[in-house]
N, C-alpha and C. Protein backbone atom coordinates (compact mmCIF):
# COMPACT_ATOMS: atom_id res chain seq x y z
N MET A 1 12.56 20.77 3.82
CA MET A 1 11.64 19.70 4.13
C MET A 1 11.68 18.64 3.03
N LYS A 2 11.75 17.38 3.45
CA LYS A 2 11.80 16.29 2.48
C LYS A 2 10.41 16.07 1.88
N PRO A 3 10.36 15.71 0.61
CA PRO A 3 9.06 15.44 -0.01
C PRO A 3 8.49 14.10 0.45
N PHE A 4 7.21 13.98 0.29
CA PHE A 4 6.51 12.73 0.54
C PHE A 4 6.48 11.99 -0.79
N LEU A 5 6.82 10.71 -0.80
CA LEU A 5 6.90 9.94 -2.04
C LEU A 5 5.63 9.13 -2.26
N ILE A 6 5.07 9.25 -3.45
CA ILE A 6 3.99 8.37 -3.87
C ILE A 6 4.56 7.46 -4.95
N ILE A 7 4.58 6.17 -4.64
CA ILE A 7 5.02 5.18 -5.62
C ILE A 7 3.77 4.79 -6.41
N LYS A 8 3.73 5.22 -7.65
CA LYS A 8 2.60 4.96 -8.52
C LYS A 8 2.83 3.61 -9.20
N ALA A 9 2.04 2.61 -8.78
CA ALA A 9 2.22 1.24 -9.26
C ALA A 9 1.35 0.93 -10.47
N GLY A 10 0.58 1.89 -10.91
CA GLY A 10 -0.28 1.68 -12.07
C GLY A 10 -1.11 2.91 -12.31
N SER A 11 -1.98 2.81 -13.29
CA SER A 11 -2.84 3.91 -13.66
C SER A 11 -4.27 3.38 -13.75
N ARG A 12 -5.21 4.24 -13.51
CA ARG A 12 -6.62 3.82 -13.59
C ARG A 12 -6.95 3.46 -15.03
N PHE A 13 -8.03 2.71 -15.20
CA PHE A 13 -8.50 2.43 -16.55
C PHE A 13 -8.90 3.76 -17.18
N LYS A 14 -8.67 3.89 -18.45
CA LYS A 14 -8.97 5.14 -19.15
C LYS A 14 -10.48 5.38 -19.19
N ASP A 15 -10.87 6.52 -18.70
CA ASP A 15 -12.27 6.94 -18.69
C ASP A 15 -12.26 8.44 -18.89
N PRO A 16 -12.76 8.92 -20.03
CA PRO A 16 -12.70 10.35 -20.31
C PRO A 16 -13.40 11.23 -19.28
N SER A 17 -14.32 10.65 -18.50
CA SER A 17 -15.03 11.46 -17.51
C SER A 17 -14.18 11.70 -16.26
N LEU A 18 -13.12 10.91 -16.09
CA LEU A 18 -12.24 11.07 -14.93
C LEU A 18 -11.02 11.89 -15.31
N ARG A 19 -10.70 12.85 -14.49
CA ARG A 19 -9.54 13.70 -14.78
C ARG A 19 -8.40 13.47 -13.79
N SER A 20 -8.54 12.48 -12.94
CA SER A 20 -7.49 12.23 -11.96
C SER A 20 -7.10 10.76 -11.98
N ASP A 21 -6.00 10.46 -11.31
CA ASP A 21 -5.45 9.12 -11.33
C ASP A 21 -5.08 8.72 -9.90
N PHE A 22 -4.53 7.51 -9.74
CA PHE A 22 -4.21 6.99 -8.41
C PHE A 22 -3.40 7.96 -7.57
N ASP A 23 -2.38 8.58 -8.17
CA ASP A 23 -1.54 9.50 -7.40
C ASP A 23 -2.34 10.72 -6.95
N ASP A 24 -3.21 11.24 -7.81
CA ASP A 24 -4.05 12.38 -7.44
C ASP A 24 -4.95 12.02 -6.27
N TRP A 25 -5.51 10.80 -6.30
CA TRP A 25 -6.40 10.36 -5.22
C TRP A 25 -5.63 10.29 -3.91
N MET A 26 -4.39 9.82 -3.96
CA MET A 26 -3.57 9.73 -2.74
C MET A 26 -3.25 11.12 -2.19
N ILE A 27 -2.89 12.03 -3.07
CA ILE A 27 -2.57 13.39 -2.64
C ILE A 27 -3.79 14.02 -1.96
N ARG A 28 -4.96 13.87 -2.57
CA ARG A 28 -6.19 14.42 -1.96
C ARG A 28 -6.49 13.74 -0.63
N GLY A 29 -6.35 12.44 -0.59
CA GLY A 29 -6.65 11.69 0.63
C GLY A 29 -5.71 12.02 1.77
N LEU A 30 -4.47 12.30 1.44
CA LEU A 30 -3.48 12.65 2.46
C LEU A 30 -3.56 14.11 2.87
N ALA A 31 -4.28 14.90 2.08
CA ALA A 31 -4.43 16.33 2.34
C ALA A 31 -3.06 17.02 2.45
N VAL A 32 -2.20 16.73 1.48
CA VAL A 32 -0.88 17.36 1.44
C VAL A 32 -0.81 18.28 0.23
N ASP A 33 0.07 19.24 0.30
CA ASP A 33 0.30 20.16 -0.82
C ASP A 33 0.99 19.38 -1.94
N PRO A 34 0.44 19.38 -3.14
CA PRO A 34 1.06 18.64 -4.24
C PRO A 34 2.53 19.01 -4.49
N SER A 35 2.91 20.23 -4.13
CA SER A 35 4.31 20.61 -4.33
C SER A 35 5.25 19.93 -3.33
N ASP A 36 4.69 19.31 -2.29
CA ASP A 36 5.48 18.58 -1.29
C ASP A 36 5.52 17.09 -1.58
N VAL A 37 5.05 16.71 -2.78
CA VAL A 37 4.95 15.29 -3.13
C VAL A 37 5.81 14.99 -4.35
N TRP A 38 6.46 13.85 -4.30
CA TRP A 38 7.27 13.35 -5.40
C TRP A 38 6.58 12.07 -5.88
N VAL A 39 6.17 12.02 -7.13
CA VAL A 39 5.50 10.84 -7.68
C VAL A 39 6.47 10.11 -8.60
N VAL A 40 6.64 8.82 -8.34
CA VAL A 40 7.49 7.97 -9.18
C VAL A 40 6.62 6.86 -9.74
N ALA A 41 6.51 6.80 -11.06
CA ALA A 41 5.73 5.76 -11.75
C ALA A 41 6.62 4.54 -11.98
N VAL A 42 6.66 3.66 -10.99
CA VAL A 42 7.56 2.50 -11.08
C VAL A 42 7.15 1.55 -12.21
N TYR A 43 5.86 1.48 -12.52
CA TYR A 43 5.40 0.60 -13.60
C TYR A 43 5.89 1.09 -14.97
N GLU A 44 6.37 2.33 -15.02
CA GLU A 44 6.99 2.87 -16.25
C GLU A 44 8.50 2.90 -16.11
N ASP A 45 9.02 2.14 -15.15
CA ASP A 45 10.46 1.99 -14.89
C ASP A 45 11.16 3.27 -14.44
N GLU A 46 10.41 4.22 -13.85
CA GLU A 46 11.06 5.39 -13.27
C GLU A 46 11.82 4.94 -12.03
N PRO A 47 13.03 5.46 -11.82
CA PRO A 47 13.85 5.01 -10.69
C PRO A 47 13.35 5.56 -9.35
N LEU A 48 13.51 4.74 -8.32
CA LEU A 48 13.13 5.16 -6.97
C LEU A 48 14.30 5.90 -6.31
N PRO A 49 13.99 6.88 -5.47
CA PRO A 49 15.04 7.66 -4.81
C PRO A 49 15.64 6.89 -3.63
N ASP A 50 16.67 7.46 -3.06
CA ASP A 50 17.23 6.94 -1.82
C ASP A 50 16.21 7.18 -0.71
N HIS A 51 16.11 6.25 0.20
CA HIS A 51 15.15 6.38 1.30
C HIS A 51 15.38 7.63 2.14
N SER A 52 16.61 8.03 2.26
CA SER A 52 16.93 9.21 3.07
C SER A 52 16.44 10.51 2.45
N ASP A 53 16.01 10.45 1.20
CA ASP A 53 15.55 11.66 0.50
C ASP A 53 14.04 11.90 0.62
N VAL A 54 13.32 11.00 1.33
CA VAL A 54 11.87 11.16 1.43
C VAL A 54 11.42 11.11 2.89
N ALA A 55 10.31 11.81 3.17
CA ALA A 55 9.76 11.85 4.53
C ALA A 55 8.90 10.62 4.82
N GLY A 56 8.29 10.05 3.82
CA GLY A 56 7.42 8.89 3.96
C GLY A 56 6.96 8.45 2.59
N VAL A 57 6.28 7.30 2.53
CA VAL A 57 5.94 6.69 1.26
C VAL A 57 4.51 6.15 1.29
N VAL A 58 3.78 6.34 0.18
CA VAL A 58 2.51 5.64 -0.06
C VAL A 58 2.67 4.93 -1.39
N VAL A 59 2.30 3.65 -1.41
CA VAL A 59 2.33 2.86 -2.64
C VAL A 59 0.88 2.69 -3.10
N THR A 60 0.59 3.10 -4.33
CA THR A 60 -0.78 3.08 -4.84
C THR A 60 -1.24 1.68 -5.25
N GLY A 61 -2.48 1.63 -5.64
CA GLY A 61 -3.03 0.44 -6.24
C GLY A 61 -2.54 0.29 -7.67
N SER A 62 -2.96 -0.81 -8.29
CA SER A 62 -2.56 -1.11 -9.66
C SER A 62 -3.52 -2.16 -10.22
N HIS A 63 -3.58 -2.24 -11.52
CA HIS A 63 -4.34 -3.31 -12.15
C HIS A 63 -3.45 -4.53 -12.38
N ALA A 64 -2.16 -4.38 -12.09
CA ALA A 64 -1.22 -5.51 -12.19
C ALA A 64 -1.46 -6.47 -11.03
N MET A 65 -0.88 -7.63 -11.11
CA MET A 65 -0.97 -8.62 -10.04
C MET A 65 0.43 -8.87 -9.48
N VAL A 66 0.56 -8.83 -8.17
CA VAL A 66 1.85 -9.07 -7.53
C VAL A 66 2.40 -10.44 -7.95
N THR A 67 1.52 -11.41 -8.11
CA THR A 67 1.95 -12.77 -8.46
C THR A 67 2.52 -12.88 -9.87
N ASP A 68 2.35 -11.85 -10.69
CA ASP A 68 2.96 -11.86 -12.03
C ASP A 68 4.46 -11.63 -11.96
N ARG A 69 4.94 -11.12 -10.84
CA ARG A 69 6.38 -10.93 -10.58
C ARG A 69 7.07 -10.13 -11.70
N GLU A 70 6.41 -9.07 -12.14
CA GLU A 70 7.02 -8.22 -13.16
C GLU A 70 8.29 -7.58 -12.62
N ASP A 71 9.27 -7.31 -13.49
CA ASP A 71 10.57 -6.77 -13.06
C ASP A 71 10.41 -5.50 -12.22
N TRP A 72 9.60 -4.55 -12.69
CA TRP A 72 9.44 -3.29 -11.96
C TRP A 72 8.84 -3.55 -10.57
N SER A 73 7.93 -4.52 -10.49
CA SER A 73 7.28 -4.84 -9.23
C SER A 73 8.26 -5.49 -8.25
N GLU A 74 9.07 -6.41 -8.73
CA GLU A 74 10.05 -7.07 -7.87
C GLU A 74 11.11 -6.07 -7.37
N ARG A 75 11.54 -5.14 -8.25
CA ARG A 75 12.49 -4.10 -7.83
C ARG A 75 11.86 -3.23 -6.74
N THR A 76 10.60 -2.90 -6.92
CA THR A 76 9.91 -2.07 -5.94
C THR A 76 9.74 -2.82 -4.62
N ALA A 77 9.42 -4.10 -4.67
CA ALA A 77 9.30 -4.91 -3.45
C ALA A 77 10.61 -4.91 -2.67
N ALA A 78 11.73 -5.05 -3.38
CA ALA A 78 13.04 -5.02 -2.72
C ALA A 78 13.31 -3.64 -2.11
N TRP A 79 12.94 -2.58 -2.82
CA TRP A 79 13.12 -1.21 -2.31
C TRP A 79 12.28 -1.01 -1.05
N LEU A 80 11.06 -1.53 -1.05
CA LEU A 80 10.19 -1.42 0.13
C LEU A 80 10.77 -2.18 1.32
N ARG A 81 11.27 -3.38 1.07
CA ARG A 81 11.89 -4.16 2.14
C ARG A 81 13.06 -3.39 2.74
N ASP A 82 13.87 -2.79 1.89
CA ASP A 82 14.99 -1.98 2.36
C ASP A 82 14.48 -0.77 3.16
N GLY A 83 13.38 -0.18 2.69
CA GLY A 83 12.80 0.96 3.40
C GLY A 83 12.30 0.60 4.78
N VAL A 84 11.70 -0.57 4.92
CA VAL A 84 11.24 -1.02 6.25
C VAL A 84 12.45 -1.21 7.16
N GLN A 85 13.51 -1.79 6.63
CA GLN A 85 14.72 -1.99 7.43
C GLN A 85 15.31 -0.65 7.89
N LYS A 86 15.15 0.37 7.05
CA LYS A 86 15.66 1.71 7.39
C LYS A 86 14.62 2.55 8.13
N GLU A 87 13.48 1.93 8.47
CA GLU A 87 12.40 2.56 9.22
C GLU A 87 11.76 3.75 8.49
N THR A 88 11.73 3.67 7.16
CA THR A 88 11.01 4.65 6.36
C THR A 88 9.52 4.41 6.57
N PRO A 89 8.73 5.43 6.92
CA PRO A 89 7.28 5.23 7.05
C PRO A 89 6.68 4.87 5.69
N ILE A 90 5.98 3.72 5.62
CA ILE A 90 5.42 3.23 4.36
C ILE A 90 3.98 2.79 4.58
N LEU A 91 3.10 3.24 3.68
CA LEU A 91 1.71 2.80 3.66
C LEU A 91 1.43 2.23 2.28
N GLY A 92 0.97 1.00 2.22
CA GLY A 92 0.59 0.38 0.96
C GLY A 92 -0.92 0.35 0.83
N VAL A 93 -1.43 0.79 -0.31
CA VAL A 93 -2.86 0.79 -0.56
C VAL A 93 -3.16 -0.24 -1.65
N CYS A 94 -4.01 -1.20 -1.35
CA CYS A 94 -4.43 -2.24 -2.27
C CYS A 94 -3.21 -2.99 -2.83
N TYR A 95 -2.87 -2.79 -4.10
CA TYR A 95 -1.69 -3.45 -4.66
C TYR A 95 -0.45 -3.12 -3.83
N GLY A 96 -0.34 -1.88 -3.39
CA GLY A 96 0.81 -1.47 -2.57
C GLY A 96 0.91 -2.26 -1.28
N HIS A 97 -0.22 -2.54 -0.66
CA HIS A 97 -0.28 -3.36 0.55
C HIS A 97 0.19 -4.78 0.24
N GLN A 98 -0.28 -5.32 -0.87
CA GLN A 98 0.12 -6.67 -1.27
C GLN A 98 1.60 -6.72 -1.60
N LEU A 99 2.09 -5.70 -2.30
CA LEU A 99 3.50 -5.66 -2.68
C LEU A 99 4.40 -5.55 -1.45
N LEU A 100 4.00 -4.76 -0.49
CA LEU A 100 4.76 -4.62 0.75
C LEU A 100 4.81 -5.96 1.48
N ALA A 101 3.68 -6.64 1.57
CA ALA A 101 3.65 -7.96 2.22
C ALA A 101 4.56 -8.94 1.48
N HIS A 102 4.47 -8.96 0.16
CA HIS A 102 5.32 -9.84 -0.65
C HIS A 102 6.80 -9.54 -0.42
N GLY A 103 7.15 -8.27 -0.43
CA GLY A 103 8.55 -7.88 -0.24
C GLY A 103 9.10 -8.28 1.12
N LEU A 104 8.21 -8.41 2.11
CA LEU A 104 8.64 -8.78 3.46
C LEU A 104 8.49 -10.27 3.75
N GLY A 105 8.12 -11.04 2.72
CA GLY A 105 8.07 -12.49 2.88
C GLY A 105 6.68 -13.06 3.11
N GLY A 106 5.64 -12.24 3.00
CA GLY A 106 4.27 -12.73 3.13
C GLY A 106 3.84 -13.42 1.85
N THR A 107 2.63 -13.96 1.86
CA THR A 107 2.10 -14.67 0.70
C THR A 107 0.93 -13.90 0.12
N VAL A 108 1.00 -13.63 -1.18
CA VAL A 108 -0.06 -12.94 -1.91
C VAL A 108 -0.57 -13.88 -2.99
N GLY A 109 -1.88 -13.91 -3.17
CA GLY A 109 -2.45 -14.76 -4.21
C GLY A 109 -3.93 -14.50 -4.38
N ASP A 110 -4.54 -15.26 -5.28
CA ASP A 110 -5.98 -15.14 -5.49
C ASP A 110 -6.69 -15.51 -4.20
N HIS A 111 -7.65 -14.68 -3.82
CA HIS A 111 -8.39 -14.95 -2.60
C HIS A 111 -9.33 -16.14 -2.85
N PRO A 112 -9.38 -17.10 -1.92
CA PRO A 112 -10.21 -18.28 -2.13
C PRO A 112 -11.71 -17.99 -2.27
N LEU A 113 -12.17 -16.82 -1.79
CA LEU A 113 -13.58 -16.47 -1.92
C LEU A 113 -13.86 -15.67 -3.19
N GLY A 114 -12.84 -15.44 -4.01
CA GLY A 114 -13.04 -14.72 -5.26
C GLY A 114 -12.79 -13.23 -5.15
N GLN A 115 -13.32 -12.49 -6.09
CA GLN A 115 -13.09 -11.05 -6.17
C GLN A 115 -13.93 -10.31 -5.13
N GLU A 116 -13.34 -9.29 -4.55
CA GLU A 116 -14.06 -8.39 -3.66
C GLU A 116 -14.23 -7.08 -4.41
N LEU A 117 -15.47 -6.62 -4.53
CA LEU A 117 -15.75 -5.44 -5.33
C LEU A 117 -16.89 -4.66 -4.69
N GLY A 118 -16.65 -3.37 -4.48
CA GLY A 118 -17.70 -2.52 -3.93
C GLY A 118 -17.35 -1.96 -2.57
N THR A 119 -18.36 -1.64 -1.81
CA THR A 119 -18.18 -1.06 -0.48
C THR A 119 -17.98 -2.18 0.53
N VAL A 120 -16.90 -2.09 1.31
CA VAL A 120 -16.61 -3.08 2.34
C VAL A 120 -16.53 -2.39 3.70
N ASP A 121 -16.89 -3.13 4.72
CA ASP A 121 -16.75 -2.63 6.09
C ASP A 121 -15.35 -2.94 6.57
N VAL A 122 -14.70 -1.95 7.13
CA VAL A 122 -13.36 -2.10 7.68
C VAL A 122 -13.45 -1.95 9.20
N VAL A 123 -12.80 -2.84 9.91
CA VAL A 123 -12.78 -2.80 11.36
C VAL A 123 -11.33 -2.62 11.81
N VAL A 124 -11.08 -1.58 12.57
CA VAL A 124 -9.76 -1.32 13.15
C VAL A 124 -9.73 -2.05 14.49
N ASN A 125 -8.77 -2.96 14.68
CA ASN A 125 -8.72 -3.72 15.93
C ASN A 125 -8.04 -2.91 17.04
N LYS A 126 -7.94 -3.49 18.22
CA LYS A 126 -7.37 -2.77 19.37
C LYS A 126 -5.92 -2.35 19.12
N THR A 127 -5.17 -3.20 18.46
CA THR A 127 -3.78 -2.86 18.11
C THR A 127 -3.77 -1.67 17.15
N GLY A 128 -4.66 -1.69 16.17
CA GLY A 128 -4.75 -0.60 15.21
C GLY A 128 -5.19 0.71 15.84
N GLN A 129 -6.05 0.62 16.85
CA GLN A 129 -6.51 1.83 17.53
C GLN A 129 -5.37 2.56 18.23
N LYS A 130 -4.29 1.84 18.54
CA LYS A 130 -3.11 2.44 19.19
C LYS A 130 -2.05 2.87 18.17
N ASP A 131 -2.28 2.53 16.89
CA ASP A 131 -1.31 2.82 15.84
C ASP A 131 -1.33 4.31 15.50
N ARG A 132 -0.15 4.89 15.33
CA ARG A 132 -0.08 6.34 15.06
C ARG A 132 -0.64 6.72 13.70
N LEU A 133 -0.69 5.79 12.76
CA LEU A 133 -1.21 6.10 11.43
C LEU A 133 -2.73 5.91 11.36
N ILE A 134 -3.20 4.72 11.71
CA ILE A 134 -4.63 4.46 11.54
C ILE A 134 -5.42 4.60 12.83
N GLY A 135 -4.75 4.85 13.94
CA GLY A 135 -5.44 4.98 15.22
C GLY A 135 -6.42 6.14 15.28
N GLN A 136 -6.30 7.08 14.35
CA GLN A 136 -7.21 8.22 14.33
C GLN A 136 -8.48 7.94 13.52
N LEU A 137 -8.54 6.79 12.87
CA LEU A 137 -9.72 6.42 12.09
C LEU A 137 -10.81 5.91 13.03
N PRO A 138 -12.05 5.96 12.58
CA PRO A 138 -13.12 5.35 13.39
C PRO A 138 -12.87 3.85 13.53
N GLU A 139 -13.42 3.25 14.58
CA GLU A 139 -13.25 1.81 14.80
C GLU A 139 -13.84 1.00 13.65
N ARG A 140 -14.93 1.50 13.06
CA ARG A 140 -15.56 0.88 11.89
C ARG A 140 -15.81 1.97 10.85
N PHE A 141 -15.52 1.66 9.59
CA PHE A 141 -15.82 2.59 8.51
C PHE A 141 -15.97 1.82 7.21
N SER A 142 -16.52 2.47 6.21
CA SER A 142 -16.71 1.85 4.90
C SER A 142 -15.62 2.34 3.95
N ALA A 143 -15.19 1.45 3.07
CA ALA A 143 -14.18 1.79 2.07
C ALA A 143 -14.54 1.08 0.76
N GLN A 144 -14.06 1.63 -0.34
CA GLN A 144 -14.28 1.01 -1.64
C GLN A 144 -13.15 0.02 -1.91
N ALA A 145 -13.50 -1.13 -2.46
CA ALA A 145 -12.50 -2.17 -2.74
C ALA A 145 -12.76 -2.78 -4.10
N SER A 146 -11.67 -3.14 -4.75
CA SER A 146 -11.74 -3.84 -6.01
C SER A 146 -10.46 -4.66 -6.16
N HIS A 147 -10.52 -5.92 -5.78
CA HIS A 147 -9.35 -6.79 -5.93
C HIS A 147 -9.78 -8.25 -5.93
N ARG A 148 -8.98 -9.06 -6.61
CA ARG A 148 -9.21 -10.50 -6.57
C ARG A 148 -8.07 -11.20 -5.85
N GLN A 149 -6.95 -10.47 -5.70
CA GLN A 149 -5.84 -11.02 -4.93
C GLN A 149 -5.74 -10.26 -3.61
N SER A 150 -5.17 -10.94 -2.63
CA SER A 150 -4.98 -10.30 -1.33
C SER A 150 -3.80 -10.94 -0.62
N VAL A 151 -3.46 -10.39 0.52
CA VAL A 151 -2.41 -10.98 1.35
C VAL A 151 -3.04 -12.18 2.04
N LEU A 152 -2.54 -13.37 1.72
CA LEU A 152 -3.08 -14.60 2.29
C LEU A 152 -2.39 -14.96 3.60
N VAL A 153 -1.08 -14.65 3.69
CA VAL A 153 -0.31 -14.89 4.91
C VAL A 153 0.55 -13.66 5.15
N LEU A 154 0.40 -13.07 6.35
CA LEU A 154 1.21 -11.90 6.70
C LEU A 154 2.68 -12.28 6.80
N PRO A 155 3.58 -11.32 6.57
CA PRO A 155 5.00 -11.59 6.78
C PRO A 155 5.25 -11.99 8.24
N GLU A 156 6.26 -12.79 8.46
CA GLU A 156 6.59 -13.22 9.82
C GLU A 156 6.79 -12.01 10.73
N GLY A 157 6.15 -12.03 11.86
CA GLY A 157 6.29 -10.95 12.85
C GLY A 157 5.39 -9.75 12.61
N ALA A 158 4.73 -9.69 11.45
CA ALA A 158 3.84 -8.56 11.16
C ALA A 158 2.57 -8.68 12.01
N ARG A 159 1.97 -7.55 12.30
CA ARG A 159 0.76 -7.54 13.12
C ARG A 159 -0.37 -6.85 12.37
N CYS A 160 -1.53 -7.51 12.34
CA CYS A 160 -2.71 -6.95 11.70
C CYS A 160 -3.20 -5.75 12.51
N ARG A 161 -3.59 -4.68 11.82
CA ARG A 161 -4.12 -3.48 12.46
C ARG A 161 -5.60 -3.27 12.13
N ALA A 162 -6.02 -3.72 10.94
CA ALA A 162 -7.42 -3.58 10.52
C ALA A 162 -7.68 -4.62 9.44
N ARG A 163 -8.95 -4.95 9.30
CA ARG A 163 -9.29 -5.90 8.25
C ARG A 163 -10.68 -5.63 7.72
N GLY A 164 -10.86 -6.06 6.47
CA GLY A 164 -12.16 -5.98 5.83
C GLY A 164 -12.79 -7.36 5.86
N CYS A 165 -13.78 -7.55 5.04
CA CYS A 165 -14.49 -8.84 5.02
C CYS A 165 -13.57 -9.97 4.57
N MET A 166 -12.77 -9.73 3.54
CA MET A 166 -12.01 -10.81 2.93
C MET A 166 -10.51 -10.75 3.13
N CYS A 167 -10.00 -9.66 3.68
CA CYS A 167 -8.54 -9.59 3.77
C CYS A 167 -8.09 -8.61 4.84
N TRP A 168 -6.79 -8.69 5.14
CA TRP A 168 -6.18 -7.71 6.02
C TRP A 168 -6.11 -6.40 5.26
N ILE A 169 -6.54 -5.35 5.89
CA ILE A 169 -6.49 -4.03 5.27
C ILE A 169 -5.19 -3.33 5.63
N CYS A 170 -4.77 -3.52 6.83
CA CYS A 170 -3.57 -2.81 7.30
C CYS A 170 -2.80 -3.72 8.24
N PHE A 171 -1.50 -3.75 8.06
CA PHE A 171 -0.65 -4.47 9.00
C PHE A 171 0.60 -3.63 9.24
N SER A 172 1.24 -3.88 10.33
CA SER A 172 2.45 -3.15 10.66
C SER A 172 3.65 -3.96 10.24
N PRO A 173 4.41 -3.50 9.25
CA PRO A 173 5.56 -4.27 8.79
C PRO A 173 6.78 -4.12 9.68
N LEU A 174 6.80 -3.12 10.56
CA LEU A 174 8.02 -2.87 11.34
C LEU A 174 8.39 -4.05 12.21
N GLN A 175 7.42 -4.81 12.68
CA GLN A 175 7.74 -5.98 13.47
C GLN A 175 8.25 -7.14 12.61
N ALA A 176 8.13 -6.99 11.28
CA ALA A 176 8.53 -8.09 10.40
C ALA A 176 10.05 -8.16 10.22
N ILE A 177 10.75 -7.10 10.57
CA ILE A 177 12.21 -7.09 10.40
C ILE A 177 12.87 -7.17 11.77
N PRO A 178 13.67 -8.20 11.99
CA PRO A 178 14.35 -8.32 13.30
C PRO A 178 15.24 -7.10 13.54
N ARG A 179 15.27 -6.64 14.77
CA ARG A 179 16.10 -5.49 15.13
C ARG A 179 17.30 -5.94 15.91
């Protein structure tokens, strides 16, 4: 069985009361056995595997900004674009969502309404309700958010699946690559 890849795009702020990090949160949220997961810390320049070596991918959040165009981030964006072309299942969370959009030609930047912080309402639209990944979520639910940048323009051909108050929460990148 191929491992599930977590692309760790950053680490939480240091807080001695917390014993877990972004990758731990993803593993718990996905309810997968940690031994079936491969974590690559791209922000520490760890190399990404071949797409054929993984069953699927989750890209974590980060305190970095996609618009800073750091070398590790740009390499990861190119790897994600290649993964979409190869139909690798990819889910981007927060920074990961922004990086995926950037890699596919979308626009990421400071949100005109400023920073979004705290509990936000997420609405899954009709397209999202039919999606095999998020279609099992409730039509409305609450999620924690902390970002000042967001996807301002979806990649060409991408379709929104869910959105929060200030930004797209989920979009399908598979339509963004011509077949």
